[in-house]
Amino acid sequence: MSRKVLISACVMGQNVRWNGQNKKYDEIRDWAQENDVSLVPVCPENELFGSPRAAIRLRQIDDRVAALMKGVDVFDDLTSQCEEITRQHEDAVGFIGIARSPTCGISAGVKDRGSTIKAAMHVACNFPTTEINSLKSPKGRDIFLRRIEKHESR
């Protein structure tokens, strides 16, 4: 039975980034096929706002992080959408995000904070997560696969 791994849709070549582009990485398909992994593309931002859309910037405001899109805080909307995606895919065993994404980055930059945060999609997952950059080496792919296997054996 194939393992279900959620993946940022832009990595799969879908033009869902804020600028209507993608960050396609074909080699991930080969890895998935070799390891009986079914990649399921997701994009919380595109589901909520479509593409292209205004860029979303994370910013520290007082004691909270805001996700500003044209000056409007959409942080709660993004968080809820990420939680909904994980509910829809209860059988998923992993998530592969994209670096520097305010929703799918492992360490997303937050202006005026002095540190990064784990973006909403990674927080919503109760299974191993990574970014595609970590999977561009055989060692990185092996580490992620071992994390998935450990999660499955619980």
N, C-alpha and C. Protein backbone atom coordinates (compact mmCIF):
# COMPACT_ATOMS: atom_id res chain seq x y z
N MET A 1 0.85 -1.19 0.00
CA MET A 1 0.00 0.00 0.00
C MET A 1 0.89 1.25 0.00
N SER A 2 0.56 2.16 -0.84
CA SER A 2 1.35 3.38 -1.00
C SER A 2 1.21 4.31 0.20
N ARG A 3 2.31 4.95 0.56
CA ARG A 3 2.31 5.96 1.63
C ARG A 3 1.86 7.29 1.05
N LYS A 4 0.99 7.99 1.75
CA LYS A 4 0.52 9.30 1.28
C LYS A 4 1.35 10.40 1.92
N VAL A 5 2.01 11.20 1.07
CA VAL A 5 2.78 12.34 1.54
C VAL A 5 2.24 13.59 0.87
N LEU A 6 1.84 14.56 1.67
CA LEU A 6 1.40 15.85 1.14
C LEU A 6 2.63 16.62 0.69
N ILE A 7 2.47 17.42 -0.36
CA ILE A 7 3.59 18.19 -0.90
C ILE A 7 3.08 19.53 -1.42
N SER A 8 3.87 20.56 -1.23
CA SER A 8 3.49 21.87 -1.77
C SER A 8 3.24 21.73 -3.27
N ALA A 9 2.08 22.16 -3.71
CA ALA A 9 1.68 21.99 -5.11
C ALA A 9 2.65 22.65 -6.09
N CYS A 10 3.29 23.72 -5.68
CA CYS A 10 4.24 24.40 -6.57
C CYS A 10 5.44 23.51 -6.88
N VAL A 11 5.81 22.63 -5.96
CA VAL A 11 6.93 21.71 -6.18
C VAL A 11 6.55 20.68 -7.25
N MET A 12 5.27 20.39 -7.36
CA MET A 12 4.79 19.44 -8.36
C MET A 12 4.56 20.11 -9.72
N GLY A 13 4.88 21.39 -9.82
CA GLY A 13 4.79 22.09 -11.10
C GLY A 13 3.50 22.87 -11.30
N GLN A 14 2.63 22.89 -10.30
CA GLN A 14 1.40 23.67 -10.44
C GLN A 14 1.71 25.15 -10.22
N ASN A 15 1.15 25.99 -11.05
CA ASN A 15 1.39 27.44 -10.99
C ASN A 15 0.51 28.09 -9.93
N VAL A 16 0.85 27.81 -8.67
CA VAL A 16 0.02 28.26 -7.55
C VAL A 16 0.73 29.24 -6.63
N ARG A 17 1.97 29.61 -6.95
CA ARG A 17 2.68 30.57 -6.11
C ARG A 17 2.02 31.94 -6.24
N TRP A 18 2.35 32.83 -5.32
CA TRP A 18 1.73 34.16 -5.30
C TRP A 18 1.84 34.86 -6.65
N ASN A 19 2.95 34.61 -7.38
CA ASN A 19 3.17 35.26 -8.67
C ASN A 19 2.70 34.42 -9.86
N GLY A 20 1.96 33.36 -9.58
CA GLY A 20 1.43 32.51 -10.64
C GLY A 20 2.46 31.54 -11.21
N GLN A 21 3.60 31.42 -10.56
CA GLN A 21 4.67 30.53 -11.02
C GLN A 21 4.71 29.26 -10.17
N ASN A 22 5.76 28.45 -10.39
CA ASN A 22 5.93 27.23 -9.62
C ASN A 22 7.40 27.05 -9.26
N LYS A 23 7.69 26.04 -8.48
CA LYS A 23 9.06 25.67 -8.09
C LYS A 23 9.24 24.18 -8.37
N LYS A 24 8.87 23.76 -9.58
CA LYS A 24 8.85 22.35 -9.96
C LYS A 24 10.20 21.68 -9.72
N TYR A 25 10.14 20.49 -9.12
CA TYR A 25 11.32 19.67 -8.89
C TYR A 25 10.96 18.24 -9.28
N ASP A 26 11.23 17.90 -10.54
CA ASP A 26 10.83 16.61 -11.10
C ASP A 26 11.41 15.40 -10.38
N GLU A 27 12.62 15.53 -9.86
CA GLU A 27 13.28 14.38 -9.25
C GLU A 27 12.51 13.81 -8.06
N ILE A 28 11.67 14.61 -7.43
CA ILE A 28 10.90 14.12 -6.29
C ILE A 28 9.92 13.03 -6.72
N ARG A 29 9.46 13.09 -7.97
CA ARG A 29 8.55 12.06 -8.48
C ARG A 29 9.25 10.70 -8.55
N ASP A 30 10.50 10.71 -9.00
CA ASP A 30 11.26 9.46 -9.08
C ASP A 30 11.45 8.86 -7.70
N TRP A 31 11.84 9.69 -6.73
CA TRP A 31 12.02 9.23 -5.35
C TRP A 31 10.72 8.62 -4.83
N ALA A 32 9.61 9.30 -5.08
CA ALA A 32 8.31 8.83 -4.60
C ALA A 32 7.98 7.47 -5.21
N GLN A 33 8.17 7.34 -6.49
CA GLN A 33 7.86 6.08 -7.16
C GLN A 33 8.74 4.94 -6.63
N GLU A 34 10.02 5.21 -6.44
CA GLU A 34 10.96 4.19 -5.94
C GLU A 34 10.63 3.75 -4.52
N ASN A 35 9.97 4.61 -3.76
CA ASN A 35 9.70 4.33 -2.35
C ASN A 35 8.23 4.13 -2.03
N ASP A 36 7.43 3.85 -3.05
CA ASP A 36 6.00 3.60 -2.88
C ASP A 36 5.31 4.73 -2.12
N VAL A 37 5.63 5.96 -2.54
CA VAL A 37 5.05 7.16 -1.93
C VAL A 37 4.10 7.80 -2.95
N SER A 38 2.92 8.10 -2.51
CA SER A 38 1.94 8.83 -3.32
C SER A 38 1.99 10.30 -2.90
N LEU A 39 2.41 11.16 -3.82
CA LEU A 39 2.51 12.60 -3.53
C LEU A 39 1.18 13.28 -3.81
N VAL A 40 0.67 14.00 -2.83
CA VAL A 40 -0.61 14.68 -2.95
C VAL A 40 -0.36 16.18 -2.84
N PRO A 41 -0.50 16.92 -3.98
CA PRO A 41 -0.23 18.36 -3.94
C PRO A 41 -1.28 19.14 -3.17
N VAL A 42 -0.80 20.07 -2.34
CA VAL A 42 -1.68 20.95 -1.58
C VAL A 42 -1.10 22.37 -1.60
N CYS A 43 -1.98 23.36 -1.55
CA CYS A 43 -1.54 24.75 -1.44
C CYS A 43 -2.61 25.55 -0.70
N PRO A 44 -2.42 25.70 0.60
CA PRO A 44 -3.42 26.44 1.39
C PRO A 44 -3.67 27.86 0.87
N GLU A 45 -2.61 28.55 0.48
CA GLU A 45 -2.76 29.93 0.00
C GLU A 45 -3.58 29.98 -1.27
N ASN A 46 -3.31 29.08 -2.21
CA ASN A 46 -4.07 29.06 -3.46
C ASN A 46 -5.52 28.70 -3.21
N GLU A 47 -5.76 27.74 -2.31
CA GLU A 47 -7.14 27.35 -2.01
C GLU A 47 -7.93 28.53 -1.45
N LEU A 48 -7.28 29.37 -0.65
CA LEU A 48 -7.97 30.51 -0.05
C LEU A 48 -8.08 31.71 -0.98
N PHE A 49 -6.99 32.02 -1.70
CA PHE A 49 -6.90 33.30 -2.40
C PHE A 49 -6.68 33.21 -3.90
N GLY A 50 -6.49 32.00 -4.44
CA GLY A 50 -6.22 31.84 -5.87
C GLY A 50 -4.81 32.29 -6.23
N SER A 51 -4.49 32.18 -7.50
CA SER A 51 -3.17 32.58 -8.02
C SER A 51 -3.35 33.25 -9.37
N PRO A 52 -2.61 34.28 -9.66
CA PRO A 52 -1.70 34.98 -8.75
C PRO A 52 -2.48 35.75 -7.68
N ARG A 53 -1.74 36.13 -6.62
CA ARG A 53 -2.34 36.84 -5.50
C ARG A 53 -1.29 37.78 -4.93
N ALA A 54 -1.69 38.65 -4.08
CA ALA A 54 -0.72 39.52 -3.40
C ALA A 54 0.17 38.66 -2.51
N ALA A 55 1.42 39.06 -2.37
CA ALA A 55 2.35 38.35 -1.51
C ALA A 55 1.90 38.45 -0.05
N ILE A 56 2.20 37.41 0.72
CA ILE A 56 1.89 37.38 2.14
C ILE A 56 3.21 37.52 2.89
N ARG A 57 3.26 38.44 3.83
CA ARG A 57 4.47 38.68 4.62
C ARG A 57 4.16 38.47 6.09
N LEU A 58 4.99 37.70 6.74
CA LEU A 58 4.83 37.49 8.18
C LEU A 58 5.50 38.63 8.93
N ARG A 59 4.82 39.11 9.96
CA ARG A 59 5.36 40.23 10.73
C ARG A 59 4.95 40.09 12.19
N GLN A 60 5.88 40.38 13.08
CA GLN A 60 5.59 40.38 14.51
C GLN A 60 4.87 41.68 14.85
N ILE A 61 3.71 41.59 15.47
CA ILE A 61 2.95 42.75 15.91
C ILE A 61 2.60 42.51 17.38
N ASP A 62 3.21 43.29 18.23
CA ASP A 62 3.07 43.10 19.68
C ASP A 62 3.49 41.67 20.04
N ASP A 63 2.57 40.87 20.61
CA ASP A 63 2.93 39.52 21.05
C ASP A 63 2.46 38.43 20.09
N ARG A 64 2.13 38.79 18.87
CA ARG A 64 1.64 37.77 17.93
C ARG A 64 2.27 37.96 16.55
N VAL A 65 2.15 36.90 15.75
CA VAL A 65 2.61 36.95 14.37
C VAL A 65 1.40 37.19 13.49
N ALA A 66 1.53 38.13 12.56
CA ALA A 66 0.47 38.41 11.59
C ALA A 66 0.97 37.98 10.21
N ALA A 67 0.05 37.56 9.37
CA ALA A 67 0.34 37.24 7.97
C ALA A 67 -0.38 38.30 7.14
N LEU A 68 0.38 39.29 6.70
CA LEU A 68 -0.23 40.44 6.04
C LEU A 68 -0.25 40.28 4.53
N MET A 69 -1.46 40.44 3.99
CA MET A 69 -1.67 40.42 2.55
C MET A 69 -2.43 41.70 2.22
N LYS A 70 -1.76 42.62 1.56
CA LYS A 70 -2.34 43.94 1.28
C LYS A 70 -2.81 44.60 2.57
N GLY A 71 -2.04 44.44 3.65
CA GLY A 71 -2.35 45.07 4.92
C GLY A 71 -3.39 44.36 5.77
N VAL A 72 -3.95 43.28 5.27
CA VAL A 72 -4.97 42.53 6.00
C VAL A 72 -4.32 41.29 6.61
N ASP A 73 -4.58 41.04 7.89
CA ASP A 73 -4.01 39.87 8.56
C ASP A 73 -4.83 38.62 8.21
N VAL A 74 -4.19 37.68 7.52
CA VAL A 74 -4.85 36.44 7.10
C VAL A 74 -4.28 35.23 7.84
N PHE A 75 -3.53 35.47 8.93
CA PHE A 75 -2.88 34.39 9.66
C PHE A 75 -3.87 33.33 10.12
N ASP A 76 -4.97 33.74 10.73
CA ASP A 76 -5.96 32.77 11.22
C ASP A 76 -6.58 31.97 10.08
N ASP A 77 -6.83 32.63 8.95
CA ASP A 77 -7.38 31.94 7.79
C ASP A 77 -6.41 30.87 7.29
N LEU A 78 -5.13 31.22 7.20
CA LEU A 78 -4.12 30.26 6.74
C LEU A 78 -4.00 29.09 7.71
N THR A 79 -3.99 29.39 8.99
CA THR A 79 -3.89 28.34 10.00
C THR A 79 -5.08 27.38 9.90
N SER A 80 -6.28 27.93 9.79
CA SER A 80 -7.49 27.10 9.67
C SER A 80 -7.46 26.25 8.41
N GLN A 81 -7.00 26.83 7.30
CA GLN A 81 -6.94 26.09 6.04
C GLN A 81 -5.95 24.93 6.13
N CYS A 82 -4.81 25.16 6.76
CA CYS A 82 -3.81 24.10 6.92
C CYS A 82 -4.36 22.98 7.80
N GLU A 83 -5.06 23.34 8.85
CA GLU A 83 -5.67 22.34 9.72
C GLU A 83 -6.73 21.54 8.96
N GLU A 84 -7.50 22.22 8.12
CA GLU A 84 -8.52 21.54 7.31
C GLU A 84 -7.87 20.55 6.33
N ILE A 85 -6.78 20.95 5.72
CA ILE A 85 -6.09 20.06 4.77
C ILE A 85 -5.61 18.80 5.49
N THR A 86 -5.05 18.94 6.68
CA THR A 86 -4.59 17.74 7.40
C THR A 86 -5.77 16.87 7.84
N ARG A 87 -6.90 17.47 8.16
CA ARG A 87 -8.10 16.68 8.48
C ARG A 87 -8.58 15.90 7.26
N GLN A 88 -8.51 16.53 6.09
CA GLN A 88 -8.95 15.87 4.86
C GLN A 88 -8.04 14.71 4.47
N HIS A 89 -6.82 14.73 4.99
CA HIS A 89 -5.83 13.70 4.63
C HIS A 89 -5.31 13.03 5.90
N GLU A 90 -6.22 12.47 6.67
CA GLU A 90 -5.85 11.84 7.94
C GLU A 90 -4.88 10.69 7.76
N ASP A 91 -4.84 10.09 6.56
CA ASP A 91 -3.96 8.95 6.30
C ASP A 91 -2.58 9.38 5.79
N ALA A 92 -2.32 10.68 5.73
CA ALA A 92 -1.00 11.16 5.29
C ALA A 92 0.05 10.81 6.35
N VAL A 93 1.28 10.57 5.88
CA VAL A 93 2.37 10.22 6.80
C VAL A 93 3.54 11.20 6.69
N GLY A 94 3.39 12.24 5.86
CA GLY A 94 4.47 13.22 5.73
C GLY A 94 4.01 14.44 4.96
N PHE A 95 4.81 15.50 5.06
CA PHE A 95 4.56 16.73 4.30
C PHE A 95 5.89 17.30 3.84
N ILE A 96 5.93 17.70 2.56
CA ILE A 96 7.10 18.33 1.97
C ILE A 96 6.71 19.76 1.58
N GLY A 97 7.31 20.73 2.24
CA GLY A 97 7.01 22.13 1.96
C GLY A 97 8.08 22.78 1.10
N ILE A 98 8.03 24.09 1.04
CA ILE A 98 8.96 24.88 0.23
C ILE A 98 9.55 25.99 1.10
N ALA A 99 10.85 26.17 0.98
CA ALA A 99 11.55 27.16 1.81
C ALA A 99 11.02 28.56 1.60
N ARG A 100 11.02 29.34 2.67
CA ARG A 100 10.65 30.75 2.71
C ARG A 100 9.17 31.03 2.45
N SER A 101 8.36 29.99 2.36
CA SER A 101 6.92 30.20 2.20
C SER A 101 6.32 30.57 3.56
N PRO A 102 5.43 31.58 3.60
CA PRO A 102 4.81 31.95 4.87
C PRO A 102 3.85 30.87 5.39
N THR A 103 3.49 29.92 4.52
CA THR A 103 2.58 28.85 4.91
C THR A 103 3.26 27.48 4.92
N CYS A 104 4.19 27.25 4.01
CA CYS A 104 4.79 25.91 3.83
C CYS A 104 6.27 25.84 4.14
N GLY A 105 6.85 26.89 4.70
CA GLY A 105 8.27 26.88 5.06
C GLY A 105 8.48 26.37 6.47
N ILE A 106 9.56 25.62 6.66
CA ILE A 106 9.86 25.12 8.02
C ILE A 106 10.33 26.25 8.92
N SER A 107 11.13 27.14 8.39
CA SER A 107 11.54 28.29 9.20
C SER A 107 11.27 29.55 8.39
N ALA A 108 10.04 30.02 8.53
CA ALA A 108 9.58 31.19 7.79
C ALA A 108 10.00 32.46 8.52
N GLY A 109 10.57 33.39 7.78
CA GLY A 109 11.02 34.65 8.35
C GLY A 109 9.86 35.52 8.80
N VAL A 110 10.06 36.17 9.94
CA VAL A 110 9.04 37.06 10.50
C VAL A 110 9.70 38.42 10.74
N LYS A 111 9.26 39.42 9.98
CA LYS A 111 9.82 40.76 10.14
C LYS A 111 9.55 41.28 11.55
N ASP A 112 10.54 41.97 12.10
CA ASP A 112 10.46 42.58 13.44
C ASP A 112 10.42 41.57 14.58
N ARG A 113 10.73 40.33 14.31
CA ARG A 113 10.73 39.30 15.35
C ARG A 113 12.15 38.93 15.79
N GLY A 114 13.05 38.94 14.84
CA GLY A 114 14.42 38.53 15.14
C GLY A 114 14.61 37.02 15.12
N SER A 115 13.59 36.30 14.68
CA SER A 115 13.69 34.84 14.56
C SER A 115 12.66 34.37 13.55
N THR A 116 12.73 33.08 13.24
CA THR A 116 11.78 32.49 12.31
C THR A 116 10.73 31.70 13.10
N ILE A 117 9.70 31.27 12.39
CA ILE A 117 8.70 30.38 12.98
C ILE A 117 8.49 29.20 12.04
N LYS A 118 7.95 28.15 12.58
CA LYS A 118 7.52 27.02 11.75
C LYS A 118 6.17 27.44 11.17
N ALA A 119 6.07 27.45 9.85
CA ALA A 119 4.86 27.93 9.19
C ALA A 119 3.66 27.01 9.45
N ALA A 120 2.48 27.53 9.20
CA ALA A 120 1.22 26.90 9.59
C ALA A 120 1.04 25.47 9.10
N MET A 121 1.48 25.14 7.90
CA MET A 121 1.28 23.78 7.40
C MET A 121 2.10 22.79 8.21
N HIS A 122 3.31 23.16 8.59
CA HIS A 122 4.14 22.27 9.40
C HIS A 122 3.56 22.11 10.81
N VAL A 123 3.02 23.19 11.35
CA VAL A 123 2.41 23.14 12.69
C VAL A 123 1.18 22.24 12.69
N ALA A 124 0.41 22.27 11.61
CA ALA A 124 -0.84 21.51 11.53
C ALA A 124 -0.61 20.00 11.39
N CYS A 125 0.56 19.61 10.96
CA CYS A 125 0.84 18.19 10.70
C CYS A 125 1.24 17.45 11.97
N ASN A 126 0.70 16.26 12.15
CA ASN A 126 1.09 15.42 13.27
C ASN A 126 1.97 14.27 12.78
N PHE A 127 2.68 14.52 11.69
CA PHE A 127 3.58 13.55 11.07
C PHE A 127 4.82 14.29 10.60
N PRO A 128 5.86 13.58 10.17
CA PRO A 128 7.11 14.24 9.79
C PRO A 128 6.92 15.24 8.64
N THR A 129 7.64 16.36 8.76
CA THR A 129 7.61 17.38 7.71
C THR A 129 9.05 17.75 7.35
N THR A 130 9.20 18.28 6.13
CA THR A 130 10.50 18.74 5.66
C THR A 130 10.26 19.77 4.56
N GLU A 131 11.35 20.27 3.99
CA GLU A 131 11.26 21.14 2.82
C GLU A 131 11.94 20.45 1.66
N ILE A 132 11.53 20.79 0.46
CA ILE A 132 12.07 20.14 -0.73
C ILE A 132 13.58 20.30 -0.83
N ASN A 133 14.15 21.41 -0.38
CA ASN A 133 15.60 21.58 -0.45
C ASN A 133 16.34 20.48 0.32
N SER A 134 15.74 19.99 1.39
CA SER A 134 16.36 18.92 2.17
C SER A 134 16.33 17.58 1.45
N LEU A 135 15.50 17.48 0.42
CA LEU A 135 15.34 16.21 -0.29
C LEU A 135 16.10 16.19 -1.62
N LYS A 136 16.95 17.16 -1.81
CA LYS A 136 17.71 17.21 -3.07
C LYS A 136 19.00 16.39 -3.01
N SER A 137 19.26 15.77 -1.85
CA SER A 137 20.42 14.88 -1.74
C SER A 137 19.92 13.49 -1.33
N PRO A 138 20.64 12.45 -1.71
CA PRO A 138 20.24 11.10 -1.29
C PRO A 138 20.16 10.97 0.22
N LYS A 139 21.09 11.59 0.95
CA LYS A 139 21.09 11.52 2.41
C LYS A 139 19.82 12.16 2.98
N GLY A 140 19.45 13.34 2.47
CA GLY A 140 18.25 14.01 2.94
C GLY A 140 16.99 13.20 2.67
N ARG A 141 16.91 12.59 1.49
CA ARG A 141 15.75 11.75 1.16
C ARG A 141 15.68 10.54 2.09
N ASP A 142 16.84 9.94 2.37
CA ASP A 142 16.90 8.77 3.24
C ASP A 142 16.45 9.14 4.66
N ILE A 143 16.92 10.27 5.15
CA ILE A 143 16.54 10.71 6.51
C ILE A 143 15.03 10.92 6.60
N PHE A 144 14.44 11.57 5.60
CA PHE A 144 13.00 11.82 5.64
C PHE A 144 12.23 10.50 5.58
N LEU A 145 12.67 9.59 4.73
CA LEU A 145 11.99 8.29 4.62
C LEU A 145 12.08 7.52 5.94
N ARG A 146 13.21 7.56 6.61
CA ARG A 146 13.34 6.90 7.91
C ARG A 146 12.41 7.55 8.94
N ARG A 147 12.27 8.87 8.90
CA ARG A 147 11.34 9.55 9.82
C ARG A 147 9.90 9.10 9.56
N ILE A 148 9.54 8.96 8.29
CA ILE A 148 8.20 8.48 7.94
C ILE A 148 8.00 7.06 8.46
N GLU A 149 8.99 6.20 8.23
CA GLU A 149 8.89 4.81 8.68
C GLU A 149 8.75 4.74 10.20
N LYS A 150 9.48 5.56 10.90
CA LYS A 150 9.38 5.59 12.37
C LYS A 150 7.98 6.03 12.79
N HIS A 151 7.45 7.05 12.11
CA HIS A 151 6.09 7.53 12.40
C HIS A 151 5.08 6.41 12.14
N GLU A 152 5.23 5.69 11.05
CA GLU A 152 4.28 4.62 10.70
C GLU A 152 4.33 3.47 11.72
N SER A 153 5.47 3.25 12.34
CA SER A 153 5.60 2.11 13.26
C SER A 153 5.07 2.41 14.66
N ARG A 154 4.61 3.63 14.90
CA ARG A 154 4.09 3.97 16.22
C ARG A 154 2.80 3.26 16.50
